[in-house]
């Protein structure tokens, strides 16, 4: 009366899933390593005094607030 199909291990499906996980993990790892190497080399780069001053002037919340104020003033100066 027990007409169930015998339990079989689907080795092909298991191996296929493991290979997909491995390749996707390797892809994400390669992208992360590439970006980390680029970031580290950028942070370790020796800047001249002029580049340091320029970087201090052109970064941070001050630039964002200036850009926001500039875009608002342009929008009100030239209505659609």
Foldseek 3Di string as FASTA:
>chain_A
DPPDDDDDDPVVVVVVVVVVVVVVVVVVVVVVVVVVVVVVCVVPDDDDPVVVVVVVVCDDPVNVVVVVVVVVVVCVVDPD
